[in-house]
């Protein structure tokens, strides 16, 4: 299996509300059969009704708050870009769970939760290469 993520599907409580949220922070989606697709660099982000996602995965939806121990990261090129995105997210209705601040690794980052509680980190990490097309290239961390 190749090491890559092709799609990230977010099970949402209200598809229209979630689409409005993501479009308010600058994303542009396409809706097909009650599913919204966003191109995010080399990865697709999909909004799909939570109950449909649970059924598709043969799970029982417990109606939790949306946080299942997962955070999605969006890396940017500068601390100012972190601040701009965090402000746009808050304006769009996000709950800022951790305001942007200097990090232990010499970067700058903050967290917000979307309307369904999905957690996003917006980060500037000077140790990571961010290509012009948005692809993140991890450094060689060497052997532990």
N, C-alpha and C. Protein backbone atom coordinates (compact mmCIF):
# COMPACT_ATOMS: atom_id res chain seq x y z
N UNK A 1 0.84 -1.18 0.00
CA UNK A 1 0.00 0.00 0.00
C UNK A 1 0.88 1.24 0.00
N UNK A 2 0.62 2.16 -0.90
CA UNK A 2 1.38 3.41 -0.95
C UNK A 2 1.01 4.30 0.21
N UNK A 3 1.95 5.08 0.71
CA UNK A 3 1.72 6.00 1.81
C UNK A 3 1.14 7.29 1.27
N UNK A 4 -0.20 7.38 1.28
CA UNK A 4 -0.84 8.60 0.82
C UNK A 4 -2.27 8.63 1.31
N UNK A 5 -2.80 9.79 1.40
CA UNK A 5 -4.23 9.98 1.67
C UNK A 5 -4.83 10.55 0.41
N UNK A 6 -5.88 9.92 -0.08
CA UNK A 6 -6.54 10.41 -1.28
C UNK A 6 -7.76 11.24 -0.94
N UNK A 7 -8.56 10.77 0.00
CA UNK A 7 -9.78 11.46 0.42
C UNK A 7 -9.88 11.45 1.93
N UNK A 8 -10.42 12.51 2.47
CA UNK A 8 -10.80 12.54 3.88
C UNK A 8 -12.30 12.84 3.88
N UNK A 9 -13.08 11.92 4.42
CA UNK A 9 -14.53 12.11 4.46
C UNK A 9 -14.94 12.51 5.86
N UNK A 10 -15.67 13.62 5.94
CA UNK A 10 -16.17 14.11 7.22
C UNK A 10 -17.67 13.84 7.28
N UNK A 11 -18.09 13.04 8.24
CA UNK A 11 -19.52 12.81 8.45
C UNK A 11 -20.12 14.03 9.14
N UNK A 12 -21.07 14.69 8.48
CA UNK A 12 -21.60 15.96 8.99
C UNK A 12 -23.07 15.85 9.36
N UNK A 13 -23.49 16.65 10.31
CA UNK A 13 -24.88 16.65 10.78
C UNK A 13 -25.80 17.38 9.81
N UNK A 14 -25.30 18.44 9.17
CA UNK A 14 -26.11 19.28 8.29
C UNK A 14 -25.24 19.64 7.09
N UNK A 15 -25.48 18.98 5.95
CA UNK A 15 -24.64 19.15 4.77
C UNK A 15 -24.60 20.60 4.29
N UNK A 16 -25.74 21.25 4.23
CA UNK A 16 -25.78 22.64 3.75
C UNK A 16 -25.00 23.56 4.68
N UNK A 17 -25.17 23.40 5.99
CA UNK A 17 -24.44 24.23 6.96
C UNK A 17 -22.94 24.02 6.82
N UNK A 18 -22.52 22.76 6.69
CA UNK A 18 -21.09 22.46 6.58
C UNK A 18 -20.51 23.02 5.29
N UNK A 19 -21.26 22.90 4.19
CA UNK A 19 -20.78 23.46 2.92
C UNK A 19 -20.62 24.98 3.04
N UNK A 20 -21.61 25.64 3.63
CA UNK A 20 -21.51 27.10 3.83
C UNK A 20 -20.27 27.45 4.64
N UNK A 21 -20.02 26.68 5.70
CA UNK A 21 -18.85 26.93 6.54
C UNK A 21 -17.57 26.86 5.73
N UNK A 22 -17.36 25.76 5.01
CA UNK A 22 -16.12 25.58 4.26
C UNK A 22 -15.99 26.60 3.14
N UNK A 23 -17.10 26.97 2.52
CA UNK A 23 -17.03 28.01 1.48
C UNK A 23 -16.75 29.38 2.10
N UNK A 24 -17.22 29.61 3.33
CA UNK A 24 -16.95 30.88 4.01
C UNK A 24 -15.47 31.04 4.37
N UNK A 25 -14.74 29.94 4.51
CA UNK A 25 -13.30 30.06 4.78
C UNK A 25 -12.48 29.98 3.49
N UNK A 26 -13.17 30.05 2.34
CA UNK A 26 -12.47 30.19 1.08
C UNK A 26 -12.39 28.96 0.20
N UNK A 27 -12.98 27.85 0.62
CA UNK A 27 -12.94 26.65 -0.20
C UNK A 27 -14.09 26.68 -1.19
N UNK A 28 -13.93 25.99 -2.32
CA UNK A 28 -14.99 25.89 -3.33
C UNK A 28 -15.29 24.43 -3.57
N UNK A 29 -16.56 24.05 -3.36
CA UNK A 29 -16.94 22.65 -3.49
C UNK A 29 -17.88 22.40 -4.64
N UNK A 30 -18.07 21.11 -4.91
CA UNK A 30 -19.01 20.65 -5.92
C UNK A 30 -19.90 19.61 -5.26
N UNK A 31 -21.21 19.78 -5.39
CA UNK A 31 -22.14 18.84 -4.77
C UNK A 31 -22.67 17.86 -5.81
N UNK A 32 -22.60 16.58 -5.45
CA UNK A 32 -23.11 15.50 -6.29
C UNK A 32 -23.82 14.51 -5.38
N UNK A 33 -25.11 14.31 -5.59
CA UNK A 33 -25.89 13.32 -4.84
C UNK A 33 -25.70 13.44 -3.32
N UNK A 34 -25.98 14.59 -2.77
CA UNK A 34 -25.87 14.86 -1.33
C UNK A 34 -24.47 14.60 -0.78
N UNK A 35 -23.47 14.87 -1.60
CA UNK A 35 -22.07 14.74 -1.22
C UNK A 35 -21.34 15.95 -1.77
N UNK A 36 -20.55 16.63 -0.93
CA UNK A 36 -19.79 17.80 -1.38
C UNK A 36 -18.31 17.43 -1.42
N UNK A 37 -17.69 17.72 -2.56
CA UNK A 37 -16.28 17.42 -2.77
C UNK A 37 -15.49 18.71 -2.88
N UNK A 38 -14.34 18.76 -2.16
CA UNK A 38 -13.41 19.88 -2.24
C UNK A 38 -12.06 19.33 -2.66
N UNK A 39 -11.42 19.98 -3.62
CA UNK A 39 -10.04 19.64 -3.96
C UNK A 39 -9.15 20.40 -3.00
N UNK A 40 -8.32 19.71 -2.27
CA UNK A 40 -7.43 20.34 -1.30
C UNK A 40 -6.01 19.88 -1.60
N UNK A 41 -5.35 20.59 -2.52
CA UNK A 41 -4.03 20.14 -2.98
C UNK A 41 -4.19 18.80 -3.67
N UNK A 42 -3.40 17.84 -3.28
CA UNK A 42 -3.49 16.50 -3.86
C UNK A 42 -4.45 15.59 -3.14
N UNK A 43 -5.29 16.13 -2.27
CA UNK A 43 -6.23 15.34 -1.47
C UNK A 43 -7.64 15.86 -1.67
N UNK A 44 -8.61 14.98 -1.67
CA UNK A 44 -10.01 15.40 -1.71
C UNK A 44 -10.60 15.37 -0.32
N UNK A 45 -11.34 16.42 0.02
CA UNK A 45 -12.09 16.46 1.27
C UNK A 45 -13.56 16.30 0.89
N UNK A 46 -14.24 15.39 1.56
CA UNK A 46 -15.62 15.07 1.23
C UNK A 46 -16.51 15.33 2.44
N UNK A 47 -17.61 16.04 2.23
CA UNK A 47 -18.63 16.21 3.27
C UNK A 47 -19.78 15.27 2.89
N UNK A 48 -20.19 14.45 3.84
CA UNK A 48 -21.23 13.46 3.58
C UNK A 48 -22.07 13.35 4.84
N UNK A 49 -23.38 13.23 4.73
CA UNK A 49 -24.19 13.09 5.94
C UNK A 49 -23.64 11.99 6.87
N UNK A 50 -23.56 12.35 8.13
CA UNK A 50 -22.96 11.45 9.13
C UNK A 50 -23.60 10.06 9.14
N UNK A 51 -24.94 10.02 9.04
CA UNK A 51 -25.61 8.72 9.09
C UNK A 51 -25.28 7.87 7.86
N UNK A 52 -25.08 8.51 6.71
CA UNK A 52 -24.71 7.77 5.50
C UNK A 52 -23.29 7.21 5.60
N UNK A 53 -22.39 8.02 6.15
CA UNK A 53 -21.03 7.56 6.35
C UNK A 53 -21.00 6.39 7.32
N UNK A 54 -21.72 6.51 8.42
CA UNK A 54 -21.76 5.42 9.40
C UNK A 54 -22.32 4.15 8.76
N UNK A 55 -23.40 4.28 8.00
CA UNK A 55 -24.01 3.11 7.34
C UNK A 55 -23.04 2.49 6.33
N UNK A 56 -22.36 3.35 5.57
CA UNK A 56 -21.42 2.86 4.56
C UNK A 56 -20.28 2.08 5.20
N UNK A 57 -19.87 2.50 6.39
CA UNK A 57 -18.79 1.83 7.11
C UNK A 57 -19.29 0.72 8.02
N UNK A 58 -20.60 0.44 7.95
CA UNK A 58 -21.23 -0.59 8.78
C UNK A 58 -21.02 -0.32 10.27
N UNK A 59 -21.20 0.95 10.65
CA UNK A 59 -21.07 1.35 12.05
C UNK A 59 -22.40 1.87 12.56
N UNK A 60 -22.56 1.83 13.87
CA UNK A 60 -23.71 2.46 14.51
C UNK A 60 -23.26 3.85 14.91
N UNK A 61 -24.00 4.88 14.45
CA UNK A 61 -23.66 6.26 14.79
C UNK A 61 -24.17 6.56 16.19
N UNK A 62 -23.26 6.84 17.10
CA UNK A 62 -23.63 7.12 18.49
C UNK A 62 -24.00 8.59 18.68
N UNK A 63 -23.86 9.40 17.63
CA UNK A 63 -24.21 10.82 17.74
C UNK A 63 -23.24 11.60 18.59
N UNK A 64 -21.99 11.18 18.63
CA UNK A 64 -20.97 11.88 19.41
C UNK A 64 -20.73 13.28 18.89
N UNK A 65 -19.77 13.96 19.48
CA UNK A 65 -19.52 15.36 19.14
C UNK A 65 -18.68 15.55 17.89
N UNK A 66 -18.34 14.48 17.18
CA UNK A 66 -17.56 14.60 15.96
C UNK A 66 -16.08 14.40 16.16
N UNK A 67 -15.58 14.51 17.39
CA UNK A 67 -14.16 14.31 17.62
C UNK A 67 -13.90 12.86 17.96
N UNK A 68 -13.16 12.21 17.09
CA UNK A 68 -12.84 10.81 17.29
C UNK A 68 -11.35 10.57 17.42
N UNK A 69 -10.64 11.54 17.99
CA UNK A 69 -9.21 11.38 18.13
C UNK A 69 -8.45 11.70 16.85
N UNK A 70 -9.03 12.52 15.98
CA UNK A 70 -8.41 12.86 14.72
C UNK A 70 -8.34 14.38 14.58
N UNK A 71 -7.21 14.88 14.13
CA UNK A 71 -7.08 16.29 13.78
C UNK A 71 -6.49 16.36 12.38
N UNK A 72 -7.05 17.21 11.56
CA UNK A 72 -6.55 17.43 10.22
C UNK A 72 -5.64 18.65 10.28
N UNK A 73 -4.52 18.60 9.60
CA UNK A 73 -3.60 19.73 9.61
C UNK A 73 -3.56 20.40 8.24
N UNK A 74 -3.55 21.71 8.27
CA UNK A 74 -3.40 22.52 7.07
C UNK A 74 -2.19 23.41 7.29
N UNK A 75 -1.10 23.08 6.60
CA UNK A 75 0.13 23.84 6.77
C UNK A 75 0.17 25.01 5.79
N UNK A 76 0.72 26.13 6.27
CA UNK A 76 0.79 27.36 5.48
C UNK A 76 2.22 27.90 5.49
N UNK A 77 2.43 28.98 4.76
CA UNK A 77 3.78 29.49 4.54
C UNK A 77 4.25 30.54 5.55
N UNK A 78 3.34 31.05 6.39
CA UNK A 78 3.75 32.10 7.33
C UNK A 78 2.82 32.16 8.53
N UNK A 79 3.31 32.71 9.64
CA UNK A 79 2.44 32.92 10.80
C UNK A 79 1.25 33.84 10.47
N UNK A 80 1.46 34.84 9.62
CA UNK A 80 0.37 35.74 9.25
C UNK A 80 -0.76 34.97 8.55
N UNK A 81 -0.38 33.99 7.75
CA UNK A 81 -1.39 33.16 7.07
C UNK A 81 -2.17 32.33 8.09
N UNK A 82 -1.50 31.85 9.13
CA UNK A 82 -2.19 31.14 10.21
C UNK A 82 -3.25 32.06 10.81
N UNK A 83 -2.86 33.28 11.15
CA UNK A 83 -3.80 34.23 11.76
C UNK A 83 -4.98 34.53 10.84
N UNK A 84 -4.70 34.72 9.56
CA UNK A 84 -5.77 35.02 8.60
C UNK A 84 -6.78 33.88 8.52
N UNK A 85 -6.30 32.65 8.45
CA UNK A 85 -7.20 31.50 8.33
C UNK A 85 -7.97 31.28 9.63
N UNK A 86 -7.31 31.44 10.76
CA UNK A 86 -8.00 31.29 12.04
C UNK A 86 -9.12 32.32 12.17
N UNK A 87 -8.86 33.55 11.74
CA UNK A 87 -9.88 34.61 11.81
C UNK A 87 -11.04 34.30 10.87
N UNK A 88 -10.74 33.81 9.66
CA UNK A 88 -11.80 33.46 8.70
C UNK A 88 -12.65 32.32 9.25
N UNK A 89 -12.01 31.35 9.87
CA UNK A 89 -12.74 30.21 10.43
C UNK A 89 -13.66 30.67 11.56
N UNK A 90 -13.14 31.49 12.46
CA UNK A 90 -13.96 32.00 13.56
C UNK A 90 -15.14 32.81 13.02
N UNK A 91 -14.89 33.60 12.01
CA UNK A 91 -15.94 34.40 11.38
C UNK A 91 -17.01 33.53 10.74
N UNK A 92 -16.59 32.37 10.25
CA UNK A 92 -17.50 31.44 9.59
C UNK A 92 -18.28 30.57 10.59
N UNK A 93 -17.94 30.68 11.87
CA UNK A 93 -18.67 29.92 12.88
C UNK A 93 -17.87 28.82 13.57
N UNK A 94 -16.58 28.73 13.29
CA UNK A 94 -15.75 27.73 13.96
C UNK A 94 -15.61 28.05 15.44
N UNK A 95 -15.37 27.03 16.22
CA UNK A 95 -15.02 27.20 17.62
C UNK A 95 -13.50 27.11 17.69
N UNK A 96 -12.85 28.20 18.07
CA UNK A 96 -11.40 28.19 18.21
C UNK A 96 -11.09 27.48 19.52
N UNK A 97 -10.49 26.30 19.41
CA UNK A 97 -10.19 25.52 20.60
C UNK A 97 -8.84 25.87 21.21
N UNK A 98 -7.95 26.39 20.36
CA UNK A 98 -6.63 26.83 20.82
C UNK A 98 -6.19 27.96 19.90
N UNK A 99 -6.16 29.20 20.41
CA UNK A 99 -5.72 30.31 19.56
C UNK A 99 -4.30 30.08 19.04
N UNK A 100 -3.99 30.67 17.89
CA UNK A 100 -2.66 30.53 17.32
C UNK A 100 -1.62 31.06 18.30
N UNK A 101 -0.50 30.32 18.39
CA UNK A 101 0.57 30.67 19.32
C UNK A 101 1.86 30.00 18.86
N UNK A 102 3.02 30.47 19.35
CA UNK A 102 4.28 29.80 19.03
C UNK A 102 4.24 28.35 19.54
N UNK A 103 4.88 27.46 18.79
CA UNK A 103 4.86 26.04 19.14
C UNK A 103 6.22 25.60 19.69
N UNK A 104 6.23 24.41 20.28
CA UNK A 104 7.45 23.84 20.82
C UNK A 104 8.47 23.53 19.73
N UNK A 105 8.04 23.38 18.48
CA UNK A 105 8.96 23.02 17.39
C UNK A 105 9.44 24.25 16.60
N UNK A 106 9.18 25.44 17.12
CA UNK A 106 9.64 26.65 16.46
C UNK A 106 8.71 27.19 15.41
N UNK A 107 7.50 26.68 15.36
CA UNK A 107 6.50 27.14 14.41
C UNK A 107 5.45 28.01 15.07
N UNK A 108 4.28 28.03 14.47
CA UNK A 108 3.18 28.86 14.94
C UNK A 108 1.90 28.16 14.50
N UNK A 109 0.96 27.91 15.42
CA UNK A 109 -0.22 27.13 15.07
C UNK A 109 -1.38 27.40 16.01
N UNK A 110 -2.57 27.10 15.52
CA UNK A 110 -3.79 27.17 16.30
C UNK A 110 -4.74 26.07 15.85
N UNK A 111 -5.79 25.85 16.63
CA UNK A 111 -6.79 24.82 16.31
C UNK A 111 -8.18 25.42 16.34
N UNK A 112 -9.03 24.90 15.44
CA UNK A 112 -10.46 25.21 15.49
C UNK A 112 -11.25 23.96 15.18
N UNK A 113 -12.50 23.96 15.64
CA UNK A 113 -13.43 22.87 15.33
C UNK A 113 -14.51 23.40 14.40
N UNK A 114 -14.80 22.63 13.34
CA UNK A 114 -15.85 23.03 12.40
C UNK A 114 -17.22 22.80 13.04
N UNK A 115 -18.32 23.08 12.35
CA UNK A 115 -19.65 22.95 12.97
C UNK A 115 -19.98 21.55 13.49
N UNK A 116 -19.29 20.52 13.01
CA UNK A 116 -19.55 19.16 13.49
C UNK A 116 -18.51 18.69 14.49
N UNK A 117 -17.61 19.58 14.91
CA UNK A 117 -16.61 19.22 15.91
C UNK A 117 -15.34 18.63 15.32
N UNK A 118 -15.22 18.59 13.98
CA UNK A 118 -13.98 18.09 13.37
C UNK A 118 -12.87 19.11 13.63
N UNK A 119 -11.76 18.61 14.14
CA UNK A 119 -10.68 19.46 14.60
C UNK A 119 -9.66 19.71 13.50
N UNK A 120 -9.33 20.98 13.30
CA UNK A 120 -8.34 21.39 12.31
C UNK A 120 -7.22 22.16 12.98
N UNK A 121 -5.97 21.82 12.63
CA UNK A 121 -4.81 22.59 13.06
C UNK A 121 -4.36 23.41 11.85
N UNK A 122 -4.15 24.69 12.06
CA UNK A 122 -3.59 25.56 11.03
C UNK A 122 -2.18 25.88 11.51
N UNK A 123 -1.18 25.49 10.72
CA UNK A 123 0.20 25.54 11.22
C UNK A 123 1.19 26.09 10.21
N UNK A 124 2.12 26.85 10.74
CA UNK A 124 3.32 27.23 9.98
C UNK A 124 4.47 26.50 10.67
N UNK A 125 5.11 25.59 9.94
CA UNK A 125 6.24 24.84 10.48
C UNK A 125 7.43 25.09 9.58
N UNK A 126 8.38 25.92 10.02
CA UNK A 126 9.52 26.25 9.16
C UNK A 126 10.40 25.05 8.84
N UNK A 127 10.23 23.95 9.55
CA UNK A 127 11.02 22.74 9.28
C UNK A 127 10.45 21.86 8.19
N UNK A 128 9.25 22.15 7.73
CA UNK A 128 8.61 21.37 6.66
C UNK A 128 8.65 22.17 5.36
N UNK A 129 8.85 21.49 4.26
CA UNK A 129 8.80 22.13 2.95
C UNK A 129 7.37 22.11 2.45
N UNK A 130 6.87 23.28 2.08
CA UNK A 130 5.54 23.39 1.49
C UNK A 130 5.74 23.82 0.04
N UNK A 131 5.43 22.91 -0.89
CA UNK A 131 5.64 23.17 -2.32
C UNK A 131 4.67 24.23 -2.82
N UNK A 132 4.99 24.79 -3.97
CA UNK A 132 4.12 25.80 -4.58
C UNK A 132 2.70 25.29 -4.77
N UNK A 133 2.56 23.98 -5.06
CA UNK A 133 1.23 23.42 -5.29
C UNK A 133 0.54 22.97 -4.00
N UNK A 134 1.14 23.26 -2.83
CA UNK A 134 0.52 22.93 -1.56
C UNK A 134 0.92 21.60 -0.97
N UNK A 135 1.64 20.78 -1.72
CA UNK A 135 2.09 19.50 -1.17
C UNK A 135 3.09 19.75 -0.05
N UNK A 136 2.96 18.95 0.99
CA UNK A 136 3.88 19.02 2.12
C UNK A 136 4.93 17.95 1.96
N UNK A 137 6.19 18.31 2.10
CA UNK A 137 7.27 17.34 2.05
C UNK A 137 7.89 17.29 3.43
N UNK A 138 7.78 16.13 4.04
CA UNK A 138 8.35 15.96 5.37
C UNK A 138 9.87 15.87 5.29
N UNK A 139 10.56 16.41 6.28
CA UNK A 139 12.03 16.30 6.27
C UNK A 139 12.44 14.88 6.61
N UNK A 140 13.70 14.58 6.38
CA UNK A 140 14.25 13.31 6.80
C UNK A 140 14.60 13.43 8.28
N UNK A 141 13.82 12.79 9.12
CA UNK A 141 14.01 12.91 10.56
C UNK A 141 15.15 12.02 11.06
N UNK A 142 15.71 11.19 10.20
CA UNK A 142 16.78 10.27 10.60
C UNK A 142 16.20 9.13 11.40
N UNK A 143 17.04 8.25 11.84
CA UNK A 143 16.55 7.12 12.63
C UNK A 143 16.48 7.51 14.10
N UNK A 144 15.46 6.96 14.75
CA UNK A 144 15.23 7.30 16.17
C UNK A 144 16.20 6.59 17.07
